């Protein structure tokens, strides 16, 4: 079972609050930001509340991310995404994003607690906002040393016709 969202006390991690966000699942593939820390909002140059997290990603990364979010809902385990934050011009900033499922009053996973953790200084963006994110790797795992990469989509077909 994922921890109950009511058991999360922000006072336990005040140092990281600017990097924290909470997503709410509104439906399949629709994960809207409910709470956004100042660092996350500043990195993207806007208030992200109510925006679907999938909209921040490159189009080709949205389906794998959606699959990963739905997978951790079922497995009730954390997810780490190694990714790049791309400004309109210039070099990308590498970061890791952690997402942990939270259980609501109904017993279903309906929220996710997230953390942005830059792995290089934010100055690489030269004051520009991150326009898009791109996935380097997605890892899941219930314990230390047990991380596994999620399977990648290799073939997609609709009514027997190959589309990807």
N, C-alpha and C. Protein backbone atom coordinates (compact mmCIF):
# COMPACT_ATOMS: atom_id res chain seq x y z
N UNK A 1 0.84 -1.19 0.00
CA UNK A 1 0.00 0.00 0.00
C UNK A 1 0.88 1.25 0.00
N UNK A 2 0.45 2.21 -0.76
CA UNK A 2 1.10 3.52 -0.74
C UNK A 2 0.69 4.24 0.54
N UNK A 3 1.53 5.14 1.03
CA UNK A 3 1.15 5.88 2.24
C UNK A 3 -0.08 6.77 1.99
N UNK A 4 -0.84 7.01 3.03
CA UNK A 4 -2.00 7.90 2.92
C UNK A 4 -1.52 9.33 2.78
N UNK A 5 -2.18 10.10 1.92
CA UNK A 5 -1.76 11.49 1.74
C UNK A 5 -1.92 12.27 3.05
N UNK A 6 -2.83 11.87 3.92
CA UNK A 6 -3.01 12.54 5.21
C UNK A 6 -1.84 12.29 6.15
N UNK A 7 -1.03 11.26 5.87
CA UNK A 7 0.12 10.96 6.74
C UNK A 7 1.36 11.78 6.37
N UNK A 8 1.28 12.53 5.29
CA UNK A 8 2.41 13.35 4.85
C UNK A 8 2.36 14.70 5.57
N UNK A 9 3.42 15.00 6.29
CA UNK A 9 3.52 16.27 7.02
C UNK A 9 4.63 17.11 6.38
N UNK A 10 4.27 18.21 5.71
CA UNK A 10 5.29 19.06 5.07
C UNK A 10 6.36 19.55 6.04
N UNK A 11 6.07 19.62 7.31
CA UNK A 11 7.07 20.04 8.30
C UNK A 11 8.24 19.06 8.38
N UNK A 12 8.04 17.84 7.89
CA UNK A 12 9.10 16.84 7.90
C UNK A 12 10.17 17.10 6.85
N UNK A 13 9.86 17.92 5.85
CA UNK A 13 10.83 18.18 4.78
C UNK A 13 10.78 19.64 4.31
N UNK A 14 10.76 20.56 5.26
CA UNK A 14 10.65 22.00 4.93
C UNK A 14 11.79 22.47 4.02
N UNK A 15 12.96 21.90 4.17
CA UNK A 15 14.10 22.30 3.34
C UNK A 15 13.84 22.07 1.85
N UNK A 16 13.01 21.08 1.53
CA UNK A 16 12.77 20.73 0.13
C UNK A 16 11.45 21.27 -0.43
N UNK A 17 10.68 21.98 0.37
CA UNK A 17 9.36 22.45 -0.09
C UNK A 17 9.40 23.21 -1.42
N UNK A 18 10.40 24.05 -1.69
CA UNK A 18 10.41 24.72 -2.99
C UNK A 18 10.50 23.76 -4.19
N UNK A 19 11.06 22.57 -3.95
CA UNK A 19 11.25 21.59 -5.01
C UNK A 19 10.12 20.56 -5.07
N UNK A 20 9.16 20.67 -4.18
CA UNK A 20 8.09 19.68 -4.06
C UNK A 20 6.87 20.09 -4.90
N UNK A 21 6.17 19.08 -5.40
CA UNK A 21 4.88 19.31 -6.04
C UNK A 21 3.98 18.13 -5.72
N UNK A 22 2.69 18.35 -5.86
CA UNK A 22 1.70 17.28 -5.68
C UNK A 22 0.83 17.24 -6.93
N UNK A 23 0.68 16.04 -7.47
CA UNK A 23 -0.20 15.82 -8.62
C UNK A 23 -1.48 15.15 -8.14
N UNK A 24 -2.58 15.48 -8.78
CA UNK A 24 -3.84 14.80 -8.53
C UNK A 24 -4.29 14.10 -9.81
N UNK A 25 -4.67 12.85 -9.72
CA UNK A 25 -5.14 12.11 -10.89
C UNK A 25 -6.60 12.45 -11.13
N UNK A 26 -6.87 13.04 -12.30
CA UNK A 26 -8.25 13.42 -12.66
C UNK A 26 -8.87 12.40 -13.59
N UNK A 27 -8.08 11.50 -14.11
CA UNK A 27 -8.53 10.47 -15.04
C UNK A 27 -7.31 9.86 -15.69
N UNK A 28 -7.53 8.87 -16.54
CA UNK A 28 -6.42 8.18 -17.19
C UNK A 28 -5.59 9.18 -17.99
N UNK A 29 -4.30 9.28 -17.64
CA UNK A 29 -3.40 10.19 -18.35
C UNK A 29 -3.58 11.65 -18.03
N UNK A 30 -4.34 11.97 -17.01
CA UNK A 30 -4.59 13.38 -16.65
C UNK A 30 -4.17 13.58 -15.20
N UNK A 31 -2.95 14.07 -15.03
CA UNK A 31 -2.36 14.30 -13.71
C UNK A 31 -2.09 15.79 -13.56
N UNK A 32 -3.01 16.49 -12.93
CA UNK A 32 -2.88 17.93 -12.77
C UNK A 32 -2.09 18.31 -11.53
N UNK A 33 -1.30 19.38 -11.65
CA UNK A 33 -0.58 19.90 -10.49
C UNK A 33 -1.59 20.49 -9.52
N UNK A 34 -1.53 20.07 -8.27
CA UNK A 34 -2.39 20.61 -7.22
C UNK A 34 -1.63 21.60 -6.35
N UNK A 35 -0.36 21.33 -6.14
CA UNK A 35 0.51 22.17 -5.32
C UNK A 35 1.86 22.20 -6.02
N UNK A 36 2.45 23.41 -6.10
CA UNK A 36 3.72 23.55 -6.81
C UNK A 36 4.66 24.43 -5.97
N UNK A 37 5.84 23.90 -5.66
CA UNK A 37 6.84 24.67 -4.93
C UNK A 37 7.42 25.78 -5.79
N UNK A 38 7.98 26.78 -5.13
CA UNK A 38 8.51 27.94 -5.82
C UNK A 38 9.61 27.63 -6.82
N UNK A 39 10.50 26.70 -6.50
CA UNK A 39 11.57 26.34 -7.41
C UNK A 39 11.00 25.74 -8.70
N UNK A 40 10.02 24.86 -8.57
CA UNK A 40 9.42 24.21 -9.74
C UNK A 40 8.74 25.25 -10.63
N UNK A 41 7.97 26.15 -10.02
CA UNK A 41 7.29 27.19 -10.78
C UNK A 41 8.30 28.12 -11.46
N UNK A 42 9.34 28.51 -10.73
CA UNK A 42 10.37 29.39 -11.31
C UNK A 42 11.10 28.71 -12.46
N UNK A 43 11.40 27.43 -12.32
CA UNK A 43 12.10 26.70 -13.37
C UNK A 43 11.31 26.73 -14.67
N UNK A 44 9.98 26.60 -14.56
CA UNK A 44 9.13 26.59 -15.76
C UNK A 44 8.63 27.98 -16.14
N UNK A 45 8.90 28.96 -15.28
CA UNK A 45 8.54 30.34 -15.60
C UNK A 45 7.06 30.64 -15.53
N UNK A 46 6.30 29.79 -14.78
CA UNK A 46 4.86 30.03 -14.67
C UNK A 46 4.28 29.19 -13.53
N UNK A 47 3.07 29.56 -13.16
CA UNK A 47 2.32 28.79 -12.17
C UNK A 47 1.77 27.56 -12.88
N UNK A 48 2.06 26.39 -12.38
CA UNK A 48 1.66 25.14 -13.04
C UNK A 48 0.36 24.55 -12.49
N UNK A 49 -0.23 25.20 -11.46
CA UNK A 49 -1.43 24.61 -10.86
C UNK A 49 -2.50 24.32 -11.91
N UNK A 50 -3.08 23.14 -11.81
CA UNK A 50 -4.12 22.60 -12.68
C UNK A 50 -3.62 22.15 -14.05
N UNK A 51 -2.36 22.41 -14.39
CA UNK A 51 -1.82 21.96 -15.67
C UNK A 51 -1.48 20.48 -15.58
N UNK A 52 -1.72 19.73 -16.65
CA UNK A 52 -1.39 18.31 -16.71
C UNK A 52 0.12 18.18 -16.85
N UNK A 53 0.75 17.40 -15.99
CA UNK A 53 2.20 17.24 -16.03
C UNK A 53 2.68 16.72 -17.38
N UNK A 54 1.88 15.95 -18.07
CA UNK A 54 2.28 15.42 -19.37
C UNK A 54 2.55 16.53 -20.39
N UNK A 55 1.89 17.68 -20.22
CA UNK A 55 2.07 18.80 -21.16
C UNK A 55 3.45 19.43 -21.07
N UNK A 56 4.20 19.14 -20.01
CA UNK A 56 5.55 19.70 -19.86
C UNK A 56 6.58 18.94 -20.68
N UNK A 57 6.23 17.77 -21.14
CA UNK A 57 7.19 16.86 -21.77
C UNK A 57 7.13 16.92 -23.28
N UNK A 58 8.24 16.52 -23.91
CA UNK A 58 8.28 16.38 -25.37
C UNK A 58 7.18 15.40 -25.78
N UNK A 59 6.55 15.63 -26.93
CA UNK A 59 5.44 14.75 -27.35
C UNK A 59 5.79 13.26 -27.33
N UNK A 60 7.00 12.90 -27.75
CA UNK A 60 7.37 11.48 -27.80
C UNK A 60 7.58 10.88 -26.41
N UNK A 61 7.70 11.71 -25.38
CA UNK A 61 7.90 11.22 -24.02
C UNK A 61 6.60 11.10 -23.22
N UNK A 62 5.52 11.61 -23.75
CA UNK A 62 4.26 11.63 -22.99
C UNK A 62 3.68 10.24 -22.77
N UNK A 63 3.68 9.39 -23.79
CA UNK A 63 3.13 8.03 -23.63
C UNK A 63 3.94 7.20 -22.65
N UNK A 64 5.29 7.18 -22.74
CA UNK A 64 6.04 6.41 -21.73
C UNK A 64 5.84 6.94 -20.31
N UNK A 65 5.74 8.26 -20.16
CA UNK A 65 5.52 8.82 -18.83
C UNK A 65 4.13 8.46 -18.31
N UNK A 66 3.13 8.54 -19.17
CA UNK A 66 1.77 8.16 -18.77
C UNK A 66 1.74 6.70 -18.34
N UNK A 67 2.41 5.83 -19.09
CA UNK A 67 2.46 4.42 -18.73
C UNK A 67 3.15 4.24 -17.37
N UNK A 68 4.23 4.99 -17.13
CA UNK A 68 4.95 4.89 -15.86
C UNK A 68 4.08 5.36 -14.70
N UNK A 69 3.35 6.45 -14.88
CA UNK A 69 2.48 6.95 -13.81
C UNK A 69 1.38 5.95 -13.48
N UNK A 70 0.79 5.36 -14.49
CA UNK A 70 -0.26 4.37 -14.25
C UNK A 70 0.33 3.11 -13.60
N UNK A 71 1.56 2.75 -13.97
CA UNK A 71 2.22 1.57 -13.40
C UNK A 71 2.48 1.76 -11.91
N UNK A 72 3.01 2.92 -11.52
CA UNK A 72 3.29 3.10 -10.09
C UNK A 72 2.02 3.25 -9.27
N UNK A 73 0.92 3.62 -9.90
CA UNK A 73 -0.37 3.62 -9.18
C UNK A 73 -0.73 2.19 -8.79
N UNK A 74 -0.53 1.26 -9.72
CA UNK A 74 -0.88 -0.14 -9.45
C UNK A 74 0.12 -0.82 -8.53
N UNK A 75 1.40 -0.53 -8.70
CA UNK A 75 2.44 -1.17 -7.90
C UNK A 75 2.66 -0.48 -6.55
N UNK A 76 2.19 0.74 -6.42
CA UNK A 76 2.37 1.54 -5.19
C UNK A 76 3.84 1.62 -4.80
N UNK A 77 4.67 2.01 -5.75
CA UNK A 77 6.09 2.19 -5.49
C UNK A 77 6.57 3.47 -6.16
N UNK A 78 7.70 4.02 -5.71
CA UNK A 78 8.19 5.27 -6.26
C UNK A 78 8.77 5.12 -7.66
N UNK A 79 8.93 6.26 -8.29
CA UNK A 79 9.43 6.34 -9.66
C UNK A 79 10.48 7.45 -9.69
N UNK A 80 11.57 7.23 -10.40
CA UNK A 80 12.59 8.26 -10.60
C UNK A 80 12.78 8.43 -12.10
N UNK A 81 12.68 9.68 -12.52
CA UNK A 81 12.87 10.01 -13.93
C UNK A 81 14.13 10.85 -14.06
N UNK A 82 15.10 10.35 -14.78
CA UNK A 82 16.27 11.14 -15.13
C UNK A 82 15.90 11.87 -16.41
N UNK A 83 16.01 13.20 -16.38
CA UNK A 83 15.52 13.96 -17.53
C UNK A 83 16.33 15.23 -17.76
N UNK A 84 16.03 15.90 -18.86
CA UNK A 84 16.63 17.18 -19.21
C UNK A 84 15.54 18.22 -19.29
N UNK A 85 15.82 19.41 -18.74
CA UNK A 85 14.92 20.56 -18.84
C UNK A 85 15.51 21.48 -19.91
N UNK A 86 14.75 21.67 -20.99
CA UNK A 86 15.24 22.43 -22.15
C UNK A 86 14.66 23.83 -22.17
N UNK A 87 15.53 24.85 -22.25
CA UNK A 87 15.04 26.21 -22.46
C UNK A 87 14.75 26.40 -23.94
N UNK A 88 14.24 27.56 -24.30
CA UNK A 88 13.98 27.83 -25.72
C UNK A 88 15.27 27.80 -26.53
N UNK A 89 16.36 28.35 -25.97
CA UNK A 89 17.66 28.38 -26.65
C UNK A 89 18.73 27.94 -25.66
N UNK A 90 19.72 27.22 -26.13
CA UNK A 90 20.85 26.89 -25.27
C UNK A 90 20.86 25.47 -24.76
N UNK A 91 21.63 25.28 -23.69
CA UNK A 91 21.86 23.96 -23.13
C UNK A 91 20.77 23.55 -22.16
N UNK A 92 20.58 22.25 -22.06
CA UNK A 92 19.60 21.69 -21.13
C UNK A 92 20.20 21.56 -19.74
N UNK A 93 19.34 21.56 -18.75
CA UNK A 93 19.72 21.31 -17.38
C UNK A 93 19.28 19.89 -17.01
N UNK A 94 20.20 19.09 -16.54
CA UNK A 94 19.86 17.72 -16.15
C UNK A 94 19.27 17.72 -14.75
N UNK A 95 18.22 16.93 -14.55
CA UNK A 95 17.63 16.80 -13.23
C UNK A 95 17.01 15.42 -13.07
N UNK A 96 16.72 15.11 -11.84
CA UNK A 96 15.97 13.88 -11.53
C UNK A 96 14.67 14.30 -10.89
N UNK A 97 13.62 13.61 -11.27
CA UNK A 97 12.29 13.86 -10.72
C UNK A 97 11.85 12.57 -10.03
N UNK A 98 11.47 12.69 -8.79
CA UNK A 98 10.96 11.55 -8.04
C UNK A 98 9.46 11.72 -7.89
N UNK A 99 8.72 10.65 -8.06
CA UNK A 99 7.28 10.64 -7.84
C UNK A 99 6.93 9.46 -6.94
N UNK A 100 6.15 9.73 -5.90
CA UNK A 100 5.72 8.68 -4.98
C UNK A 100 4.20 8.71 -4.88
N UNK A 101 3.55 7.56 -5.07
CA UNK A 101 2.09 7.51 -5.00
C UNK A 101 1.58 7.69 -3.57
N UNK A 102 0.42 8.34 -3.45
CA UNK A 102 -0.24 8.55 -2.17
C UNK A 102 -1.67 8.04 -2.26
N UNK A 103 -2.15 7.43 -1.20
CA UNK A 103 -3.49 6.87 -1.15
C UNK A 103 -4.46 7.89 -0.55
N UNK A 104 -5.62 8.03 -1.19
CA UNK A 104 -6.65 8.93 -0.70
C UNK A 104 -7.59 8.23 0.26
N UNK A 105 -8.63 8.97 0.68
CA UNK A 105 -9.62 8.43 1.62
C UNK A 105 -10.29 7.17 1.11
N UNK A 106 -10.44 7.06 -0.22
CA UNK A 106 -11.12 5.90 -0.81
C UNK A 106 -10.24 4.65 -0.81
N UNK A 107 -8.93 4.82 -0.53
CA UNK A 107 -8.01 3.71 -0.59
C UNK A 107 -7.30 3.59 -1.93
N UNK A 108 -7.72 4.41 -2.90
CA UNK A 108 -7.10 4.42 -4.23
C UNK A 108 -5.94 5.41 -4.26
N UNK A 109 -4.96 5.14 -5.10
CA UNK A 109 -3.88 6.09 -5.33
C UNK A 109 -4.44 7.18 -6.23
N UNK A 110 -4.61 8.38 -5.65
CA UNK A 110 -5.18 9.48 -6.43
C UNK A 110 -4.31 10.74 -6.38
N UNK A 111 -3.16 10.64 -5.72
CA UNK A 111 -2.22 11.76 -5.64
C UNK A 111 -0.80 11.20 -5.78
N UNK A 112 0.10 12.09 -6.17
CA UNK A 112 1.52 11.74 -6.21
C UNK A 112 2.32 12.90 -5.67
N UNK A 113 3.22 12.57 -4.79
CA UNK A 113 4.14 13.55 -4.23
C UNK A 113 5.39 13.52 -5.10
N UNK A 114 5.81 14.69 -5.57
CA UNK A 114 6.96 14.76 -6.46
C UNK A 114 8.04 15.69 -5.95
N UNK A 115 9.25 15.48 -6.46
CA UNK A 115 10.40 16.28 -6.09
C UNK A 115 11.26 16.50 -7.33
N UNK A 116 11.61 17.77 -7.59
CA UNK A 116 12.60 18.10 -8.62
C UNK A 116 13.96 18.17 -7.93
N UNK A 117 14.94 17.42 -8.42
CA UNK A 117 16.29 17.47 -7.87
C UNK A 117 17.28 17.72 -9.01
N UNK A 118 17.75 18.97 -9.14
CA UNK A 118 18.74 19.24 -10.19
C UNK A 118 20.03 18.48 -9.91
N UNK A 119 20.68 18.00 -10.97
CA UNK A 119 21.96 17.32 -10.80
C UNK A 119 23.11 18.18 -11.33
N UNK A 120 22.77 19.34 -11.88
CA UNK A 120 23.75 20.35 -12.29
C UNK A 120 23.19 21.70 -11.82
N UNK A 121 24.02 22.72 -11.73
CA UNK A 121 23.50 24.03 -11.32
C UNK A 121 22.47 24.59 -12.31
N UNK A 122 21.45 25.24 -11.76
CA UNK A 122 20.39 25.82 -12.59
C UNK A 122 20.90 26.94 -13.50
N UNK A 123 22.08 27.44 -13.21
CA UNK A 123 22.63 28.53 -14.02
C UNK A 123 22.87 28.12 -15.46
N UNK A 124 22.93 26.82 -15.73
CA UNK A 124 23.14 26.35 -17.10
C UNK A 124 22.03 26.87 -18.03
N UNK A 125 20.85 27.15 -17.48
CA UNK A 125 19.73 27.68 -18.28
C UNK A 125 19.88 29.17 -18.58
N UNK A 126 20.86 29.81 -17.95
CA UNK A 126 21.15 31.23 -18.18
C UNK A 126 19.92 32.11 -18.01
N UNK A 127 19.15 31.83 -16.96
CA UNK A 127 17.99 32.65 -16.63
C UNK A 127 16.75 32.35 -17.43
N UNK A 128 16.81 31.43 -18.37
CA UNK A 128 15.65 31.07 -19.18
C UNK A 128 14.78 30.04 -18.45
N UNK A 129 13.51 30.08 -18.74
CA UNK A 129 12.59 29.08 -18.21
C UNK A 129 12.72 27.79 -19.01
N UNK A 130 12.48 26.67 -18.35
CA UNK A 130 12.44 25.37 -19.04
C UNK A 130 11.14 25.30 -19.84
N UNK A 131 11.26 25.15 -21.14
CA UNK A 131 10.07 25.05 -22.01
C UNK A 131 9.53 23.64 -22.08
N UNK A 132 10.45 22.66 -22.15
CA UNK A 132 10.04 21.26 -22.22
C UNK A 132 11.00 20.40 -21.41
N UNK A 133 10.52 19.21 -21.09
CA UNK A 133 11.33 18.20 -20.41
C UNK A 133 11.46 17.00 -21.35
N UNK A 134 12.61 16.32 -21.29
CA UNK A 134 12.78 15.11 -22.08
C UNK A 134 13.35 14.01 -21.19
N UNK A 135 12.85 12.81 -21.40
CA UNK A 135 13.23 11.66 -20.57
C UNK A 135 14.56 11.09 -21.03
N UNK A 136 15.42 10.84 -20.06
CA UNK A 136 16.66 10.08 -20.30
C UNK A 136 16.42 8.62 -19.89
N UNK A 137 15.81 8.44 -18.70
CA UNK A 137 15.57 7.10 -18.18
C UNK A 137 14.47 7.16 -17.12
N UNK A 138 13.65 6.12 -17.07
CA UNK A 138 12.62 5.99 -16.05
C UNK A 138 12.92 4.73 -15.25
N UNK A 139 13.03 4.89 -13.92
CA UNK A 139 13.31 3.76 -13.05
C UNK A 139 12.23 3.64 -11.99
N UNK A 140 11.85 2.40 -11.69
CA UNK A 140 10.96 2.13 -10.57
C UNK A 140 11.68 1.17 -9.66
N UNK A 141 11.20 1.05 -8.45
CA UNK A 141 11.80 0.08 -7.55
C UNK A 141 11.33 0.30 -6.13
N UNK A 142 11.07 -0.78 -5.46
CA UNK A 142 10.57 -0.68 -4.11
C UNK A 142 11.63 -0.52 -3.05
N UNK A 143 12.85 -0.88 -3.35
CA UNK A 143 13.88 -0.80 -2.33
C UNK A 143 15.22 -0.40 -2.91
N UNK A 144 16.14 -0.08 -2.04
CA UNK A 144 17.47 0.33 -2.47
C UNK A 144 18.12 -0.80 -3.25
N UNK A 145 18.68 -0.47 -4.39
CA UNK A 145 19.36 -1.47 -5.20
C UNK A 145 18.42 -2.34 -6.01
N UNK A 146 17.13 -2.04 -5.98
CA UNK A 146 16.17 -2.88 -6.72
C UNK A 146 15.53 -2.13 -7.88
N UNK A 147 16.10 -1.01 -8.28
CA UNK A 147 15.51 -0.23 -9.35
C UNK A 147 15.51 -1.02 -10.65
N UNK A 148 14.46 -0.85 -11.39
CA UNK A 148 14.37 -1.49 -12.69
C UNK A 148 13.82 -0.48 -13.69
N UNK A 149 14.32 -0.59 -14.92
CA UNK A 149 13.84 0.31 -15.95
C UNK A 149 12.51 -0.23 -16.47
N UNK A 150 11.57 0.69 -16.66
CA UNK A 150 10.28 0.27 -17.22
C UNK A 150 10.45 -0.14 -18.67
N UNK A 151 9.65 -1.08 -19.15
CA UNK A 151 9.77 -1.48 -20.55
C UNK A 151 9.43 -0.33 -21.48
N UNK A 152 10.13 -0.27 -22.58
CA UNK A 152 9.88 0.78 -23.58
C UNK A 152 8.93 0.25 -24.64
N UNK A 153 8.09 1.12 -25.15
CA UNK A 153 7.17 0.77 -26.22
C UNK A 153 7.97 0.52 -27.49
N UNK A 154 7.78 -0.64 -28.09
CA UNK A 154 8.54 -0.97 -29.28
C UNK A 154 7.66 -1.04 -30.52
N UNK A 155 6.41 -1.36 -30.34
CA UNK A 155 5.50 -1.49 -31.47
C UNK A 155 4.11 -1.09 -31.01
N UNK A 156 3.47 -0.27 -31.79
CA UNK A 156 2.09 0.09 -31.50
C UNK A 156 1.26 -0.20 -32.74
N UNK A 157 0.10 -0.81 -32.53
CA UNK A 157 -0.77 -1.15 -33.65
C UNK A 157 -2.20 -0.83 -33.28
N UNK A 158 -2.96 -0.41 -34.28
CA UNK A 158 -4.38 -0.16 -34.12
C UNK A 158 -5.09 -0.98 -35.20
N UNK A 159 -6.00 -1.87 -34.76
CA UNK A 159 -6.73 -2.74 -35.68
C UNK A 159 -5.78 -3.51 -36.60
N UNK A 160 -4.66 -3.98 -36.05
CA UNK A 160 -3.71 -4.77 -36.81
C UNK A 160 -2.78 -3.97 -37.70
N UNK A 161 -2.94 -2.65 -37.73
CA UNK A 161 -2.10 -1.80 -38.57
C UNK A 161 -1.01 -1.16 -37.71
N UNK A 162 0.25 -1.34 -38.09
CA UNK A 162 1.37 -0.77 -37.34
C UNK A 162 1.37 0.74 -37.47
N UNK A 163 1.42 1.43 -36.30
CA UNK A 163 1.44 2.89 -36.34
C UNK A 163 2.71 3.47 -35.74
N UNK A 164 3.48 2.67 -35.00
CA UNK A 164 4.76 3.16 -34.44
C UNK A 164 5.70 2.01 -34.20
